[in-house]
Amino acid sequence: MALSTRSRPAHRRRLTLAVATALTLVGVGTLVAPTPATAATVNPNRTAAAATVDPNTNPVANACGSGSFNAEAVLNGGTWTARNGSSTVYTGGDMRAAVQAAIGSLSAGRTSKQRVVVRGSGTISANSRISLPSYTTIDVCGTINVTGSGSGDQAPIYSRGTTQVEVQNLAVTGAPLYGIFLRNVTDVVLGQIDMRLSGGLGVRIDNRGDTSQWSRNIRIDNVYVSGASSHAVETYGVDGLTVGTVTARNVGESGLLLNQTINATVNTVDAENAGTGTGYAAFRMANRNGRIGSNYPTNIRVGTVKARGGGRGIFCVSESGGASIDRVDIANTGNNAILIENCYGVNIAANGGTISGGGEVRLAARTEFPGNRDIVLRNFTLVNSRIRESPCTTNLTISNITLNNSTINRC
């Protein structure tokens, strides 16, 4: 049975619709048009497409280590040798020292990227880092295994206060504090990143060294993270983020967490058992994510969120919003399939999808922030679950939901 579009009366009521119906519901409230952004500018041309790689300028499109380079660190037997042209700049058994020496041999004061290729696998301490200065590309053709313990912001790949940094290929094992740590950076490319960890956080990109400046223009092509005790990928204070795919397997917290990030395009988040037993989610937005000035124009665009098991599927919280998620594929989450809590301007599943089993789809609010506003849920199939709105959302639209042994409870 198809229900005709209807408006919610001014007084509160509870509506429950059950089992195998095609549903169209529209909640009417006050919609405030956004005013022009002041803190940053929304880019209306961003779309949820995978980041592109130009094979003529990005050797990562070819085999690891192919193409021209300026310096290299090579493992032969148990000895690392770093060279720049005919000059040997390091010989010894320390992978980190060899790679850092190769980086240090690049031209001082350069204003275009120079490339270092690492050929071989080795270990580095969790309490150390390989630091990338501006205008540096690194291509790691091997695996960095992180051993021991450390503190602070140590990471196998680290860069701070830099521009034009690129990591073409990288594989990390062990338990680093962070697999990649980037702070107050601009014009960064992360290509093919593979982290099979036993702890730590995968990729962290933020601006917490100087919060008056955004980290800007970050591109992540493909990241796979398993076994992290924290998030697979996390951003905080980023303006301009393009992500191809984040694949998270058995991570302790979120698959992809965006904090205070604007103008972001993500093709796919694919998470299994992300945040099991916690309130984290396959895809989480927090801390005024998507807020530009004091408004929430659509500037966070996600193609697909896929979640199996874990904590939540999608979680929007703490005055975040300005987000459009085209498609959902969520099943058997241990916590809410979707939780929208104190968020504004969120549009979920314009292109359809399925939410099956696990926790409910919940619209909630904490008292310290204004309640949800301008939320759209539409075009998906809901199986063995429910949508629950409590307290009331201002301007909530629920339309074209196919219910299979499921209900919708309005406030």
Protein backbone atom coordinates (compact mmCIF):
# COMPACT_ATOMS: atom_id res chain seq x y z
CA MET A 1 0.00 0.00 0.00
CA ALA A 2 1.32 3.40 -0.93
CA LEU A 3 0.53 6.24 1.45
CA SER A 4 -0.04 9.69 0.00
CA THR A 5 2.16 12.55 1.08
CA ARG A 6 0.94 14.10 4.30
CA SER A 7 1.97 16.82 6.70
CA ARG A 8 2.51 16.41 10.42
CA PRO A 9 -0.01 18.41 12.53
CA ALA A 10 1.32 21.03 14.92
CA HIS A 11 0.61 18.78 17.91
CA ARG A 12 2.79 15.73 18.56
CA ARG A 13 1.62 12.35 17.41
CA ARG A 14 3.00 8.89 17.01
CA LEU A 15 2.79 7.13 13.69
CA THR A 16 3.63 3.48 13.29
CA LEU A 17 3.60 1.86 9.89
CA ALA A 18 4.46 -1.78 9.69
CA VAL A 19 5.45 -4.59 7.41
CA ALA A 20 5.99 -4.46 3.67
CA THR A 21 4.63 -1.07 2.73
CA ALA A 22 5.97 1.59 0.44
CA LEU A 23 5.97 4.77 2.47
CA THR A 24 5.93 8.47 1.75
CA LEU A 25 5.94 10.79 4.75
CA VAL A 26 6.85 14.42 4.86
CA GLY A 27 7.35 16.30 8.12
CA VAL A 28 6.81 20.01 7.80
CA GLY A 29 8.84 22.48 9.85
CA THR A 30 10.60 25.78 9.50
CA LEU A 31 13.39 25.75 6.95
CA VAL A 32 15.92 28.54 7.23
CA ALA A 33 17.81 29.21 4.00
CA PRO A 34 21.57 29.19 4.47
CA THR A 35 23.37 32.48 4.16
CA PRO A 36 26.67 32.75 2.29
CA ALA A 37 29.59 30.99 3.98
CA THR A 38 32.02 33.22 5.80
CA ALA A 39 34.66 30.99 7.43
CA ALA A 40 35.34 29.02 4.27
CA THR A 41 33.80 28.57 0.84
CA VAL A 42 31.75 25.56 -0.21
CA ASN A 43 32.76 24.05 -3.52
CA PRO A 44 29.54 23.18 -5.41
CA ASN A 45 31.39 21.24 -8.09
CA ARG A 46 32.60 18.38 -5.91
CA THR A 47 30.92 15.06 -6.64
CA ALA A 48 31.18 11.65 -5.03
CA ALA A 49 33.67 10.20 -7.48
CA ALA A 50 36.88 8.34 -6.89
CA ALA A 51 40.04 10.36 -6.86
CA THR A 52 41.71 10.23 -10.25
CA VAL A 53 45.32 9.36 -10.91
CA ASP A 54 47.14 10.68 -13.96
CA PRO A 55 49.57 7.95 -15.05
CA ASN A 56 51.73 10.56 -16.73
CA THR A 57 52.38 12.42 -13.48
CA ASN A 58 51.73 9.80 -10.80
CA PRO A 59 53.92 6.67 -10.96
CA VAL A 60 51.59 5.07 -8.39
CA ALA A 61 49.32 4.32 -11.37
CA ASN A 62 52.09 1.96 -12.52
CA ALA A 63 54.10 -0.66 -10.63
CA CYS A 64 55.55 0.40 -7.30
CA GLY A 65 58.97 1.95 -7.77
CA SER A 66 58.68 2.38 -11.53
CA GLY A 67 59.42 5.66 -13.23
CA SER A 68 62.02 8.28 -12.47
CA PHE A 69 63.22 9.12 -8.96
CA ASN A 70 65.75 11.37 -7.28
CA ALA A 71 66.93 9.13 -4.45
CA GLU A 72 66.39 5.59 -3.23
CA ALA A 73 66.88 3.39 -0.19
CA VAL A 74 67.54 -0.24 -1.10
CA LEU A 75 67.81 -3.35 1.09
CA ASN A 76 70.35 -5.93 -0.05
CA GLY A 77 70.75 -8.86 2.33
CA GLY A 78 70.68 -7.19 5.73
CA THR A 79 72.14 -3.89 4.58
CA TRP A 80 70.29 -0.73 3.63
CA THR A 81 71.96 1.63 1.18
CA ALA A 82 70.62 5.11 0.41
CA ARG A 83 71.77 6.78 -2.80
CA ASN A 84 71.19 10.00 -4.65
CA GLY A 85 72.61 9.62 -8.13
CA SER A 86 76.18 8.41 -7.75
CA SER A 87 76.39 9.51 -4.11
CA THR A 88 75.86 7.03 -1.29
CA VAL A 89 74.38 8.85 1.69
CA TYR A 90 73.79 5.92 4.07
CA THR A 91 74.91 2.32 4.53
CA GLY A 92 73.80 0.21 7.49
CA GLY A 93 71.08 -1.91 9.06
CA ASP A 94 68.56 0.79 10.03
CA MET A 95 65.62 1.15 7.64
CA ARG A 96 64.43 4.42 9.13
CA ALA A 97 67.87 5.99 8.99
CA ALA A 98 68.34 4.89 5.38
CA VAL A 99 65.01 6.30 4.23
CA GLN A 100 65.52 9.55 6.14
CA ALA A 101 68.99 9.92 4.65
CA ALA A 102 67.58 9.47 1.14
CA ILE A 103 64.96 12.15 1.86
CA GLY A 104 67.62 14.42 3.32
CA SER A 105 69.69 14.13 0.15
CA LEU A 106 67.01 15.83 -1.97
CA SER A 107 67.61 19.38 -3.16
CA ALA A 108 67.39 21.97 -0.40
CA GLY A 109 64.85 24.75 -0.94
CA ARG A 110 63.12 22.90 -3.78
CA THR A 111 59.81 24.21 -5.08
CA SER A 112 58.68 21.12 -6.97
CA LYS A 113 58.32 17.53 -5.82
CA GLN A 114 61.28 15.19 -5.72
CA ARG A 115 60.80 11.47 -5.34
CA VAL A 116 62.32 8.83 -3.06
CA VAL A 117 61.78 5.13 -3.73
CA VAL A 118 62.18 2.58 -0.93
CA ARG A 119 62.97 -0.94 -2.11
CA GLY A 120 62.69 -3.53 0.67
CA SER A 121 60.95 -4.29 3.95
CA GLY A 122 62.16 -3.59 7.45
CA THR A 123 61.31 -2.55 10.99
CA ILE A 124 61.19 0.78 12.74
CA SER A 125 60.45 1.66 16.35
CA ALA A 126 57.01 2.88 17.36
CA ASN A 127 58.83 5.74 19.06
CA SER A 128 60.36 7.06 15.82
CA ARG A 129 59.25 8.53 12.53
CA ILE A 130 60.17 9.07 8.90
CA SER A 131 59.62 12.81 8.36
CA LEU A 132 58.61 14.20 4.98
CA PRO A 133 59.46 17.86 4.24
CA SER A 134 57.62 19.94 1.65
CA TYR A 135 57.79 18.91 -2.00
CA THR A 136 58.54 15.28 -1.24
CA THR A 137 57.13 12.12 -2.79
CA ILE A 138 57.83 8.72 -1.24
CA ASP A 139 57.07 5.33 -2.78
CA VAL A 140 57.56 2.41 -0.38
CA CYS A 141 57.92 -0.89 -2.22
CA GLY A 142 57.95 -3.16 0.80
CA THR A 143 56.48 -3.29 4.28
CA ILE A 144 57.31 -1.20 7.33
CA ASN A 145 56.84 -3.28 10.47
CA VAL A 146 56.48 -1.17 13.60
CA THR A 147 57.83 -2.65 16.83
CA GLY A 148 57.97 -1.63 20.48
CA SER A 149 56.04 1.22 22.05
CA GLY A 150 56.07 4.98 21.86
CA SER A 151 54.24 8.15 22.80
CA GLY A 152 53.04 11.36 21.20
CA ASP A 153 52.53 11.73 17.49
CA GLN A 154 55.14 9.26 16.22
CA ALA A 155 54.37 7.53 12.93
CA PRO A 156 56.22 5.60 10.21
CA ILE A 157 55.19 8.41 7.86
CA TYR A 158 55.02 11.89 9.41
CA SER A 159 54.73 15.43 8.07
CA ARG A 160 53.90 18.71 9.79
CA GLY A 161 53.59 22.28 8.53
CA THR A 162 54.34 21.21 4.97
CA THR A 163 52.94 21.40 1.45
CA GLN A 164 53.10 19.14 -1.61
CA VAL A 165 53.69 15.81 0.11
CA GLU A 166 52.81 12.52 -1.56
CA VAL A 167 52.85 8.90 -0.40
CA GLN A 168 52.36 6.73 -3.46
CA ASN A 169 52.51 3.22 -1.96
CA LEU A 170 52.79 2.22 1.68
CA ALA A 171 52.29 -1.01 3.64
CA VAL A 172 52.50 -1.00 7.44
CA THR A 173 52.23 -3.80 10.01
CA GLY A 174 52.63 -3.87 13.78
CA ALA A 175 51.18 -1.41 16.29
CA PRO A 176 52.24 2.15 15.44
CA LEU A 177 50.79 5.08 17.36
CA TYR A 178 49.71 6.28 13.90
CA GLY A 179 50.42 4.68 10.56
CA ILE A 180 50.44 8.10 8.89
CA PHE A 181 50.34 11.37 10.84
CA LEU A 182 49.94 14.68 8.97
CA ARG A 183 49.42 18.00 10.77
CA ASN A 184 48.83 21.44 9.27
CA VAL A 185 49.55 20.30 5.74
CA THR A 186 48.35 21.35 2.29
CA ASP A 187 48.24 19.68 -1.12
CA VAL A 188 48.73 16.10 0.05
CA VAL A 189 48.24 12.89 -1.93
CA LEU A 190 47.99 9.44 -0.34
CA GLY A 191 47.86 6.75 -3.02
CA GLN A 192 47.65 3.04 -2.22
CA ILE A 193 47.84 2.58 1.55
CA ASP A 194 47.66 -0.87 3.19
CA MET A 195 47.84 -1.22 6.99
CA ARG A 196 47.40 -4.62 8.64
CA LEU A 197 47.87 -3.63 12.23
CA SER A 198 47.69 -5.00 15.75
CA GLY A 199 46.92 -1.63 17.35
CA GLY A 200 47.11 2.12 16.92
CA LEU A 201 45.34 4.45 14.47
CA GLY A 202 45.67 4.17 10.69
CA VAL A 203 45.72 7.64 9.08
CA ARG A 204 45.31 10.93 10.99
CA ILE A 205 45.24 14.30 9.19
CA ASP A 206 44.56 17.40 11.26
CA ASN A 207 45.30 21.06 11.95
CA ARG A 208 45.72 20.85 15.71
CA GLY A 209 49.16 22.48 15.67
CA ASP A 210 47.57 25.75 14.49
CA THR A 211 43.79 25.63 14.50
CA SER A 212 43.58 29.06 12.85
CA GLN A 213 44.69 27.38 9.62
CA TRP A 214 42.94 24.52 7.83
CA SER A 215 44.81 21.56 6.45
CA ARG A 216 43.81 21.91 2.81
CA ASN A 217 43.49 19.93 -0.41
CA ILE A 218 43.95 16.36 0.76
CA ARG A 219 43.50 13.44 -1.64
CA ILE A 220 43.32 9.82 -0.50
CA ASP A 221 42.95 7.26 -3.26
CA ASN A 222 42.64 3.91 -1.51
CA VAL A 223 43.21 2.98 2.14
CA TYR A 224 42.84 -0.47 3.68
CA VAL A 225 43.18 -0.73 7.47
CA SER A 226 42.65 -3.79 9.64
CA GLY A 227 43.35 -4.44 13.31
CA ALA A 228 43.75 -0.81 14.42
CA SER A 229 42.67 -0.25 18.01
CA SER A 230 41.39 3.22 17.05
CA HIS A 231 40.10 4.62 13.73
CA ALA A 232 41.09 3.53 10.25
CA VAL A 233 41.12 7.13 8.94
CA GLU A 234 40.45 10.34 10.89
CA THR A 235 40.50 14.01 9.88
CA TYR A 236 40.16 17.13 12.02
CA GLY A 237 40.27 20.65 10.62
CA VAL A 238 40.50 19.84 6.91
CA ASP A 239 39.12 21.97 4.06
CA GLY A 240 39.07 20.09 0.77
CA LEU A 241 39.16 16.30 1.09
CA THR A 242 38.78 13.80 -1.76
CA VAL A 243 38.66 10.10 -0.90
CA GLY A 244 38.32 7.12 -3.19
CA THR A 245 37.77 4.15 -0.86
CA VAL A 246 38.33 3.55 2.84
CA THR A 247 38.19 -0.15 3.70
CA ALA A 248 38.15 -0.91 7.43
CA ARG A 249 38.24 -4.39 8.93
CA ASN A 250 38.05 -5.13 12.66
CA VAL A 251 39.13 -1.69 13.81
CA GLY A 252 38.42 -0.57 17.37
CA GLU A 253 36.64 2.66 16.53
CA SER A 254 35.47 4.29 13.27
CA GLY A 255 36.17 3.33 9.69
CA LEU A 256 36.19 6.95 8.55
CA LEU A 257 35.79 9.77 11.09
CA LEU A 258 35.48 13.36 9.87
CA ASN A 259 35.80 16.06 12.52
CA GLN A 260 35.39 19.73 11.60
CA THR A 261 36.05 18.91 7.97
CA ILE A 262 34.45 20.79 5.07
CA ASN A 263 34.26 20.40 1.30
CA ALA A 264 34.74 16.64 1.36
CA THR A 265 33.97 14.04 -1.28
CA VAL A 266 34.12 10.34 -0.43
CA ASN A 267 33.36 7.61 -2.92
CA THR A 268 33.06 4.56 -0.63
CA VAL A 269 33.34 3.64 3.03
CA ASP A 270 33.42 -0.15 3.42
CA ALA A 271 33.60 -1.35 7.02
CA GLU A 272 33.26 -4.69 8.76
CA ASN A 273 33.26 -4.84 12.56
CA ALA A 274 34.28 -1.21 12.98
CA GLY A 275 33.83 -0.12 16.60
CA THR A 276 32.31 -3.35 17.89
CA GLY A 277 30.88 -2.75 21.35
CA THR A 278 31.24 1.04 21.07
CA GLY A 279 29.28 4.04 19.82
CA TYR A 280 31.67 4.59 16.92
CA ALA A 281 30.59 3.91 13.37
CA ALA A 282 31.66 2.80 9.92
CA PHE A 283 31.23 6.48 8.98
CA ARG A 284 31.11 9.16 11.67
CA MET A 285 30.83 12.96 11.46
CA ALA A 286 31.47 14.99 14.62
CA ASN A 287 32.54 18.36 16.05
CA ARG A 288 30.72 20.66 13.63
CA ASN A 289 31.76 18.65 10.64
CA GLY A 290 30.36 20.21 7.48
CA ARG A 291 29.65 23.57 9.13
CA ILE A 292 30.74 26.55 7.03
CA GLY A 293 30.52 29.78 8.94
CA SER A 294 27.30 29.27 10.89
CA ASN A 295 25.52 27.37 8.09
CA TYR A 296 25.30 23.89 6.65
CA PRO A 297 25.25 23.99 2.84
CA THR A 298 25.74 20.55 1.33
CA ASN A 299 29.52 20.15 1.20
CA ILE A 300 30.08 16.61 2.54
CA ARG A 301 29.28 14.18 -0.26
CA VAL A 302 29.53 10.42 0.18
CA GLY A 303 28.76 7.85 -2.48
CA THR A 304 28.22 4.63 -0.49
CA VAL A 305 28.48 3.61 3.15
CA LYS A 306 28.67 -0.14 3.62
CA ALA A 307 28.71 -1.53 7.17
CA ARG A 308 28.60 -5.05 8.51
CA GLY A 309 28.52 -5.67 12.25
CA GLY A 310 30.58 -3.37 14.44
CA GLY A 311 29.13 -0.45 16.38
CA ARG A 312 27.02 1.93 14.30
CA GLY A 313 26.70 2.22 10.53
CA ILE A 314 26.42 6.01 10.20
CA PHE A 315 26.71 8.46 13.10
CA CYS A 316 26.27 12.23 12.82
CA VAL A 317 26.75 14.13 16.09
CA SER A 318 27.71 17.41 17.81
CA GLU A 319 26.40 20.05 15.43
CA SER A 320 27.59 18.39 12.24
CA GLY A 321 25.77 18.25 8.91
CA GLY A 322 25.74 19.64 5.39
CA ALA A 323 26.01 16.02 4.27
CA SER A 324 24.59 13.91 1.48
CA ILE A 325 25.09 10.13 1.52
CA ASP A 326 23.87 8.69 -1.76
CA ARG A 327 23.59 4.99 -0.93
CA VAL A 328 23.50 2.81 2.20
CA ASP A 329 24.25 -0.89 2.65
CA ILE A 330 24.09 -1.52 6.40
CA ALA A 331 23.46 -4.83 8.16
CA ASN A 332 23.63 -6.30 11.65
CA THR A 333 25.27 -3.43 13.46
CA GLY A 334 25.56 -3.91 17.21
CA ASN A 335 24.46 -0.33 17.89
CA ASN A 336 22.28 2.00 15.80
CA ALA A 337 22.30 1.37 12.09
CA ILE A 338 22.10 5.16 11.79
CA LEU A 339 22.15 7.74 14.60
CA ILE A 340 21.55 11.39 13.78
CA GLU A 341 22.00 13.48 16.92
CA ASN A 342 22.03 17.30 16.88
CA CYS A 343 22.76 17.51 13.17
CA TYR A 344 21.54 19.82 10.41
CA GLY A 345 21.09 19.39 6.67
CA VAL A 346 21.64 15.63 6.32
CA ASN A 347 20.28 13.74 3.31
CA ILE A 348 20.53 9.96 3.40
CA ALA A 349 20.03 7.43 0.60
CA ALA A 350 18.84 9.53 -2.34
CA ASN A 351 20.08 6.67 -4.52
CA GLY A 352 18.62 3.92 -2.37
CA GLY A 353 20.03 0.96 -0.49
CA THR A 354 19.15 -1.42 2.34
CA ILE A 355 19.33 -1.32 6.13
CA SER A 356 18.84 -4.75 7.66
CA GLY A 357 18.72 -5.96 11.25
CA GLY A 358 21.01 -4.66 13.95
CA GLY A 359 20.14 -1.44 15.72
CA GLU A 360 17.44 1.02 14.75
CA VAL A 361 17.64 4.18 12.67
CA ARG A 362 17.43 6.83 15.38
CA LEU A 363 16.93 10.59 15.36
CA ALA A 364 17.92 11.87 18.80
CA ALA A 365 19.22 14.97 20.54
CA ARG A 366 21.31 16.04 23.49
CA THR A 367 20.15 19.04 25.47
CA GLU A 368 23.39 21.04 25.13
CA PHE A 369 22.91 21.58 21.36
CA PRO A 370 19.93 22.57 19.19
CA GLY A 371 17.95 19.58 17.99
CA ASN A 372 18.07 17.97 14.56
CA ARG A 373 16.96 20.10 11.62
CA ASP A 374 16.48 19.56 7.88
CA ILE A 375 16.92 15.80 7.76
CA VAL A 376 15.91 13.59 4.81
CA LEU A 377 15.63 9.79 4.90
CA ARG A 378 14.43 8.25 1.68
CA ASN A 379 14.50 5.55 -0.97
CA PHE A 380 15.89 2.66 1.08
CA THR A 381 14.53 -0.69 2.23
CA LEU A 382 14.32 -1.26 5.97
CA VAL A 383 14.38 -4.90 7.11
CA ASN A 384 13.70 -6.14 10.65
CA SER A 385 14.29 -2.73 12.17
CA ARG A 386 12.63 0.61 12.81
CA ILE A 387 13.04 4.34 12.37
CA ARG A 388 12.52 6.19 15.65
CA GLU A 389 12.30 9.97 16.06
CA SER A 390 12.61 11.22 19.64
CA PRO A 391 12.60 14.11 20.33
CA CYS A 392 11.03 15.82 17.34
CA THR A 393 13.14 16.95 14.39
CA THR A 394 12.51 20.29 12.72
CA ASN A 395 11.73 19.69 9.05
CA LEU A 396 12.12 15.92 8.84
CA THR A 397 11.30 14.23 5.54
CA ILE A 398 10.85 10.47 5.41
CA SER A 399 9.84 9.26 1.97
CA ASN A 400 9.71 6.14 -0.19
CA ILE A 401 10.89 3.76 2.54
CA THR A 402 10.04 0.13 1.84
CA LEU A 403 9.28 -1.61 5.13
CA ASN A 404 9.91 -5.32 5.62
CA ASN A 405 8.92 -6.39 9.13
CA SER A 406 9.80 -2.87 10.22
CA THR A 407 8.14 0.20 11.67
CA ILE A 408 8.43 3.97 11.74
CA ASN A 409 7.80 5.78 15.01
CA ARG A 410 7.40 9.54 14.70
CA CYS A 411 7.46 11.82 17.72
